[in-house]
C-alpha atoms as a PDB file:
ATOM      1  CA  MET A   1     -29.438  -3.620 -78.589  1.00  0.00           C
ATOM      2  CA  PRO A   2     -29.830  -3.098 -74.821  1.00  0.00           C
ATOM      3  CA  THR A   3     -27.713  -5.127 -72.434  1.00  0.00           C
ATOM      4  CA  ASN A   4     -27.544  -5.774 -68.721  1.00  0.00           C
ATOM      5  CA  GLU A   5     -23.761  -5.816 -68.586  1.00  0.00           C
ATOM      6  CA  TYR A   6     -21.211  -4.707 -66.015  1.00  0.00           C
ATOM      7  CA  ALA A   7     -18.456  -2.105 -66.220  1.00  0.00           C
ATOM      8  CA  LEU A   8     -15.303  -2.003 -64.113  1.00  0.00           C
ATOM      9  CA  HIS A   9     -14.351   1.437 -62.835  1.00  0.00           C
ATOM     10  CA  ASP A  10     -10.770   2.166 -61.728  1.00  0.00           C
ATOM     11  CA  GLY A  11      -9.906   5.826 -61.193  1.00  0.00           C
ATOM     12  CA  ASP A  12     -10.735   7.666 -64.408  1.00  0.00           C
ATOM     13  CA  ARG A  13     -10.685   4.479 -66.462  1.00  0.00           C
ATOM     14  CA  TRP A  14     -13.613   2.238 -67.414  1.00  0.00           C
ATOM     15  CA  PHE A  15     -13.350  -1.355 -68.624  1.00  0.00           C
ATOM     16  CA  LEU A  16     -15.777  -3.681 -70.389  1.00  0.00           C
ATOM     17  CA  TYR A  17     -15.504  -7.412 -70.917  1.00  0.00           C
ATOM     18  CA  LEU A  18     -16.262  -7.911 -74.614  1.00  0.00           C
ATOM     19  CA  PRO A  19     -15.861 -11.533 -75.743  1.00  0.00           C
ATOM     20  CA  GLN A  20     -17.435 -10.536 -79.077  1.00  0.00           C
ATOM     21  CA  ALA A  21     -14.419  -8.316 -79.888  1.00  0.00           C
ATOM     22  CA  PRO A  22     -11.441  -9.633 -81.892  1.00  0.00           C
ATOM     23  CA  HIS A  23      -8.820 -11.400 -79.803  1.00  0.00           C
ATOM     24  CA  GLU A  24      -5.993  -9.596 -81.518  1.00  0.00           C
ATOM     25  CA  PHE A  25      -5.370  -5.936 -80.778  1.00  0.00           C
ATOM     26  CA  ALA A  26      -7.082  -4.760 -83.950  1.00  0.00           C
ATOM     27  CA  THR A  27      -7.068  -1.064 -84.821  1.00  0.00           C
ATOM     28  CA  GLU A  28     -10.446   0.576 -84.256  1.00  0.00           C
ATOM     29  CA  ALA A  29     -12.015  -2.769 -83.338  1.00  0.00           C
ATOM     30  CA  VAL A  30     -13.987  -1.259 -80.462  1.00  0.00           C
ATOM     31  CA  LEU A  31     -15.466   2.234 -80.343  1.00  0.00           C
ATOM     32  CA  ALA A  32     -17.216   3.775 -77.347  1.00  0.00           C
ATOM     33  CA  ASP A  33     -19.376   6.747 -78.274  1.00  0.00           C
ATOM     34  CA  GLY A  34     -17.197   7.158 -81.359  1.00  0.00           C
ATOM     35  CA  LEU A  35     -13.889   7.033 -79.465  1.00  0.00           C
ATOM     36  CA  GLN A  36     -11.466   4.163 -79.901  1.00  0.00           C
ATOM     37  CA  GLY A  37     -11.050   1.793 -76.968  1.00  0.00           C
ATOM     38  CA  GLU A  38      -7.771   0.264 -75.832  1.00  0.00           C
ATOM     39  CA  PRO A  39      -7.281  -3.490 -75.347  1.00  0.00           C
ATOM     40  CA  ALA A  40      -6.212  -4.402 -71.827  1.00  0.00           C
ATOM     41  CA  GLN A  41      -3.536  -6.924 -70.882  1.00  0.00           C
ATOM     42  CA  LEU A  42      -5.818  -9.942 -71.151  1.00  0.00           C
ATOM     43  CA  ASP A  43      -8.085 -10.950 -74.024  1.00  0.00           C
ATOM     44  CA  HIS A  44     -11.609  -9.544 -74.167  1.00  0.00           C
ATOM     45  CA  TRP A  45     -11.041  -6.626 -71.770  1.00  0.00           C
ATOM     46  CA  TRP A  46     -11.189  -3.138 -73.274  1.00  0.00           C
ATOM     47  CA  GLY A  47     -10.490   0.174 -71.565  1.00  0.00           C
ATOM     48  CA  PHE A  48     -12.007   3.627 -72.088  1.00  0.00           C
ATOM     49  CA  ASP A  49     -11.369   7.128 -70.773  1.00  0.00           C
ATOM     50  CA  HIS A  50     -15.058   7.670 -70.012  1.00  0.00           C
ATOM     51  CA  LYS A  51     -18.089   5.641 -69.005  1.00  0.00           C
ATOM     52  CA  PRO A  52     -19.410   4.275 -72.310  1.00  0.00           C
ATOM     53  CA  GLU A  53     -23.008   4.672 -73.350  1.00  0.00           C
ATOM     54  CA  ARG A  54     -22.862   3.058 -76.778  1.00  0.00           C
ATOM     55  CA  VAL A  55     -20.237   0.545 -77.882  1.00  0.00           C
ATOM     56  CA  GLU A  56     -19.596  -0.648 -81.427  1.00  0.00           C
ATOM     57  CA  ILE A  57     -17.603  -3.809 -82.027  1.00  0.00           C
ATOM     58  CA  ARG A  58     -16.227  -4.158 -85.540  1.00  0.00           C
ATOM     59  CA  ARG A  59     -15.007  -7.508 -86.788  1.00  0.00           C
ATOM     60  CA  GLU A  60     -13.182  -8.431 -89.968  1.00  0.00           C
ATOM     61  CA  ASN A  61     -15.444  -9.605 -92.810  1.00  0.00           C
ATOM     62  CA  ASP A  62     -18.522  -8.537 -90.857  1.00  0.00           C
ATOM     63  CA  PRO A  63     -20.085  -5.431 -92.453  1.00  0.00           C
ATOM     64  CA  GLU A  64     -22.472  -4.805 -89.576  1.00  0.00           C
ATOM     65  CA  PRO A  65     -20.950  -3.862 -86.218  1.00  0.00           C
ATOM     66  CA  ILE A  66     -22.230  -5.316 -82.981  1.00  0.00           C
ATOM     67  CA  VAL A  67     -23.841  -2.522 -80.979  1.00  0.00           C
ATOM     68  CA  LEU A  68     -24.114  -2.631 -77.196  1.00  0.00           C
ATOM     69  CA  THR A  69     -25.782   0.062 -75.120  1.00  0.00           C
ATOM     70  CA  GLY A  70     -25.811   0.816 -71.420  1.00  0.00           C
ATOM     71  CA  PRO A  71     -26.477   1.522 -68.745  1.00  0.00           C
ATOM     72  CA  TRP A  72     -23.840  -0.787 -67.299  1.00  0.00           C
ATOM     73  CA  LEU A  73     -23.794  -1.759 -63.663  1.00  0.00           C
ATOM     74  CA  GLU A  74     -20.643  -0.364 -62.072  1.00  0.00           C
ATOM     75  CA  ILE A  75     -18.138  -2.583 -60.244  1.00  0.00           C
ATOM     76  CA  SER A  76     -15.065  -1.051 -58.637  1.00  0.00           C
ATOM     77  CA  GLY A  77     -11.849  -2.574 -59.953  1.00  0.00           C
ATOM     78  CA  ALA A  78      -9.489  -3.022 -62.909  1.00  0.00           C
ATOM     79  CA  PRO A  79      -9.094  -5.982 -65.292  1.00  0.00           C
ATOM     80  CA  PRO A  80      -7.411  -9.068 -63.821  1.00  0.00           C
ATOM     81  CA  GLN A  81      -3.654  -9.470 -63.620  1.00  0.00           C
ATOM     82  CA  LEU A  82      -1.745 -12.450 -64.936  1.00  0.00           C
ATOM     83  CA  LEU A  83      -1.265 -15.162 -62.322  1.00  0.00           C
ATOM     84  CA  PRO A  84       2.099 -16.834 -61.649  1.00  0.00           C
ATOM     85  CA  PRO A  85       2.289 -20.248 -63.362  1.00  0.00           C
ATOM     86  CA  GLY A  86       0.259 -22.882 -61.539  1.00  0.00           C
ATOM     87  CA  THR A  87      -1.458 -20.359 -59.251  1.00  0.00           C
ATOM     88  CA  ARG A  88      -5.255 -20.287 -59.045  1.00  0.00           C
ATOM     89  CA  TRP A  89      -7.760 -17.819 -57.582  1.00  0.00           C
ATOM     90  CA  PHE A  90     -10.775 -19.119 -55.657  1.00  0.00           C
ATOM     91  CA  VAL A  91     -13.708 -16.867 -54.801  1.00  0.00           C
ATOM     92  CA  ASN A  92     -17.357 -17.090 -53.828  1.00  0.00           C
ATOM     93  CA  LEU A  93     -19.107 -14.858 -56.345  1.00  0.00           C
ATOM     94  CA  PRO A  94     -22.352 -13.045 -55.532  1.00  0.00           C
ATOM     95  CA  PHE A  95     -25.391 -14.939 -56.761  1.00  0.00           C
ATOM     96  CA  ALA A  96     -25.974 -12.507 -59.661  1.00  0.00           C
ATOM     97  CA  LEU A  97     -22.441 -13.193 -60.943  1.00  0.00           C
ATOM     98  CA  ARG A  98     -22.215 -16.956 -60.352  1.00  0.00           C
ATOM     99  CA  GLU A  99     -21.974 -17.555 -64.102  1.00  0.00           C
ATOM    100  CA  ARG A 100     -19.634 -14.607 -64.737  1.00  0.00           C
ATOM    101  CA  ALA A 101     -16.190 -15.842 -63.754  1.00  0.00           C
ATOM    102  CA  GLU A 102     -14.553 -12.938 -65.597  1.00  0.00           C
ATOM    103  CA  TYR A 103     -15.419 -10.732 -62.607  1.00  0.00           C
ATOM    104  CA  ALA A 104     -14.073 -13.103 -59.940  1.00  0.00           C
ATOM    105  CA  HIS A 105     -10.879 -11.082 -59.518  1.00  0.00           C
ATOM    106  CA  VAL A 106     -12.635  -8.067 -57.946  1.00  0.00           C
ATOM    107  CA  PHE A 107     -14.167 -10.052 -55.056  1.00  0.00           C
ATOM    108  CA  PRO A 108     -12.579 -11.511 -51.875  1.00  0.00           C
ATOM    109  CA  GLY A 109     -10.931 -14.886 -52.270  1.00  0.00           C
ATOM    110  CA  HIS A 110      -7.668 -16.748 -51.894  1.00  0.00           C
ATOM    111  CA  LEU A 111      -4.704 -17.872 -53.981  1.00  0.00           C
ATOM    112  CA  VAL A 112      -3.511 -21.482 -54.064  1.00  0.00           C
ATOM    113  CA  GLY A 113      -0.982 -23.421 -56.106  1.00  0.00           C
ATOM    114  CA  PHE A 114       1.943 -20.988 -55.770  1.00  0.00           C
ATOM    115  CA  ARG A 115       4.440 -23.610 -54.561  1.00  0.00           C
ATOM    116  CA  GLY A 116       6.160 -23.768 -57.946  1.00  0.00           C
ATOM    117  CA  TYR A 117       6.373 -19.984 -58.098  1.00  0.00           C
ATOM    118  CA  ILE A 118       8.150 -19.890 -54.718  1.00  0.00           C
ATOM    119  CA  TYR A 119      10.584 -22.606 -55.808  1.00  0.00           C
ATOM    120  CA  ASP A 120      11.366 -20.940 -59.128  1.00  0.00           C
ATOM    121  CA  THR A 121      11.937 -17.551 -57.478  1.00  0.00           C
ATOM    122  CA  ILE A 122      14.282 -18.887 -54.785  1.00  0.00           C
ATOM    123  CA  HIS A 123      16.130 -21.175 -57.200  1.00  0.00           C
ATOM    124  CA  LYS A 124      16.624 -18.345 -59.692  1.00  0.00           C
ATOM    125  CA  ALA A 125      18.025 -16.048 -56.999  1.00  0.00           C
ATOM    126  CA  TYR A 126      20.248 -18.630 -55.293  1.00  0.00           C
ATOM    127  CA  GLY A 127      21.033 -21.278 -57.854  1.00  0.00           C
ATOM    128  CA  ASP A 128      24.298 -22.233 -56.116  1.00  0.00           C
ATOM    129  CA  ALA A 129      22.383 -23.504 -53.097  1.00  0.00           C
ATOM    130  CA  ARG A 130      20.372 -26.678 -53.176  1.00  0.00           C
ATOM    131  CA  VAL A 131      16.720 -25.731 -53.130  1.00  0.00           C
ATOM    132  CA  TYR A 132      14.021 -28.309 -52.481  1.00  0.00           C
ATOM    133  CA  ILE A 133      10.291 -28.002 -52.030  1.00  0.00           C
ATOM    134  CA  TYR A 134       7.768 -30.551 -50.864  1.00  0.00           C
ATOM    135  CA  GLU A 135       4.210 -30.040 -49.737  1.00  0.00           C
ATOM    136  CA  ASN A 136       4.314 -26.667 -47.928  1.00  0.00           C
ATOM    137  CA  THR A 137       7.999 -26.711 -47.004  1.00  0.00           C
ATOM    138  CA  LEU A 138      10.957 -25.007 -48.665  1.00  0.00           C
ATOM    139  CA  ARG A 139      14.371 -26.444 -47.829  1.00  0.00           C
ATOM    140  CA  VAL A 140      17.658 -24.754 -48.659  1.00  0.00           C
ATOM    141  CA  ARG A 141      20.932 -26.626 -48.209  1.00  0.00           C
ATOM    142  CA  THR A 142      24.412 -25.223 -48.566  1.00  0.00           C
ATOM    143  CA  ALA A 143      27.962 -26.153 -47.598  1.00  0.00           C
ATOM    144  CA  SER A 144      31.220 -24.630 -46.523  1.00  0.00           C
ATOM    145  CA  SER A 145      33.798 -24.034 -49.229  1.00  0.00           C
ATOM    146  CA  ASP A 146      35.625 -27.258 -48.316  1.00  0.00           C
ATOM    147  CA  GLY A 147      32.357 -29.183 -48.460  1.00  0.00           C
ATOM    148  CA  LEU A 148      32.871 -30.659 -45.003  1.00  0.00           C
ATOM    149  CA  VAL A 149      30.081 -28.790 -43.228  1.00  0.00           C
ATOM    150  CA  ILE A 150      26.553 -28.813 -44.596  1.00  0.00           C
ATOM    151  CA  MET A 151      23.859 -26.455 -43.387  1.00  0.00           C
ATOM    152  CA  SER A 152      20.149 -26.891 -44.004  1.00  0.00           C
ATOM    153  CA  ARG A 153      17.104 -24.825 -43.090  1.00  0.00           C
ATOM    154  CA  ASP A 154      13.396 -25.305 -43.669  1.00  0.00           C
ATOM    155  CA  TRP A 155      10.674 -22.703 -44.182  1.00  0.00           C
ATOM    156  CA  THR A 156       7.009 -23.630 -43.993  1.00  0.00           C
ATOM    157  CA  PHE A 157       4.779 -21.494 -46.195  1.00  0.00           C
ATOM    158  CA  PRO A 158       0.975 -21.156 -46.181  1.00  0.00           C
ATOM    159  CA  ASP A 159      -1.192 -23.298 -48.434  1.00  0.00           C
ATOM    160  CA  HIS A 160      -3.257 -20.248 -49.432  1.00  0.00           C
ATOM    161  CA  ILE A 161      -3.071 -16.456 -49.353  1.00  0.00           C
ATOM    162  CA  GLU A 162      -6.208 -14.384 -48.919  1.00  0.00           C
ATOM    163  CA  GLY A 163      -7.080 -10.978 -50.284  1.00  0.00           C
ATOM    164  CA  SER A 164     -10.013  -8.595 -50.583  1.00  0.00           C
ATOM    165  CA  ASN A 165      -9.500  -9.033 -54.334  1.00  0.00           C
ATOM    166  CA  LEU A 166      -6.989 -10.698 -56.654  1.00  0.00           C
ATOM    167  CA  ALA A 167      -4.681  -7.665 -56.871  1.00  0.00           C
ATOM    168  CA  VAL A 168      -4.421  -7.444 -53.073  1.00  0.00           C
ATOM    169  CA  ALA A 169      -3.773 -11.191 -52.746  1.00  0.00           C
ATOM    170  CA  LEU A 170      -0.998 -10.979 -55.361  1.00  0.00           C
ATOM    171  CA  GLU A 171       0.560  -8.110 -53.389  1.00  0.00           C
ATOM    172  CA  HIS A 172       0.469 -10.285 -50.255  1.00  0.00           C
ATOM    173  CA  LEU A 173       2.123 -13.105 -52.215  1.00  0.00           C
ATOM    174  CA  GLU A 174       4.888 -10.820 -53.470  1.00  0.00           C
ATOM    175  CA  ASP A 175       5.458  -9.436 -49.953  1.00  0.00           C
ATOM    176  CA  TYR A 176       5.736 -12.968 -48.608  1.00  0.00           C
ATOM    177  CA  VAL A 177       8.177 -14.049 -51.322  1.00  0.00           C
ATOM    178  CA  ASP A 178      10.285 -10.899 -50.805  1.00  0.00           C
ATOM    179  CA  GLY A 179      10.496 -11.659 -47.085  1.00  0.00           C
ATOM    180  CA  LEU A 180      11.409 -15.261 -47.837  1.00  0.00           C
ATOM    181  CA  LEU A 181      14.158 -14.142 -50.211  1.00  0.00           C
ATOM    182  CA  ALA A 182      15.596 -11.910 -47.482  1.00  0.00           C
ATOM    183  CA  GLU A 183      15.592 -14.753 -44.938  1.00  0.00           C
ATOM    184  CA  VAL A 184      17.278 -17.130 -47.373  1.00  0.00           C
ATOM    185  CA  ALA A 185      19.880 -14.449 -48.117  1.00  0.00           C
ATOM    186  CA  ASP A 186      20.618 -14.062 -44.395  1.00  0.00           C
ATOM    187  CA  PHE A 187      20.931 -17.826 -44.043  1.00  0.00           C
ATOM    188  CA  LEU A 188      23.351 -18.128 -46.972  1.00  0.00           C
ATOM    189  CA  ASP A 189      25.350 -15.112 -45.762  1.00  0.00           C
ATOM    190  CA  ALA A 190      26.031 -16.730 -42.399  1.00  0.00           C
ATOM    191  CA  ARG A 191      29.561 -17.862 -41.650  1.00  0.00           C
ATOM    192  CA  CYS A 192      30.742 -21.195 -40.394  1.00  0.00           C
ATOM    193  CA  ALA A 193      31.269 -21.021 -36.623  1.00  0.00           C
ATOM    194  CA  GLN A 194      34.294 -23.319 -36.908  1.00  0.00           C
ATOM    195  CA  CYS A 195      36.230 -21.888 -39.860  1.00  0.00           C
ATOM    196  CA  GLY A 196      34.740 -18.410 -40.241  1.00  0.00           C
ATOM    197  CA  GLU A 197      34.092 -18.939 -43.941  1.00  0.00           C
ATOM    198  CA  ARG A 198      30.849 -18.070 -45.652  1.00  0.00           C
ATOM    199  CA  TRP A 199      28.620 -20.772 -47.017  1.00  0.00           C
ATOM    200  CA  TYR A 200      28.280 -20.961 -50.759  1.00  0.00           C
END
């Protein structure tokens, strides 16, 4: 059964999006030229050590395998990564892939909706401080040990983060959050100019 499908190519690994394959990581569910494929992190993506020519998909209680044959059109990239909770990836797909959202992660776009991820990361690291977030602003409040002096600082973060693909954008997000963590740490490590004590 010929197909006009696409194959992702990342180093010496090849990946196919196979929604016909079992969702669970079934043993020998997908064979490429007789060799067993490996399920990727997300459902429907399967990896192979070579560029497949003939793929068999075997499903429980189905005596006849589904057979797919190439050639597949090659796209550079690996399967998508999991997004932080609430985060979304927006991209303008090429016309030929407008109906193929499963390949959106390998094209330029931008991340949005990571406000909750920033809050959770800062709050987890510095739970003793009061962490607030509203719109695109992070506010951290802390006090001297006697509670008489209160310090507060705001950080404004971008409403989106761009990348040449999803993996690059996620790297930019992690770099930004790491830098933000360092700045919050410096703020909380400061000492009161009046009493010389550290904030807590």
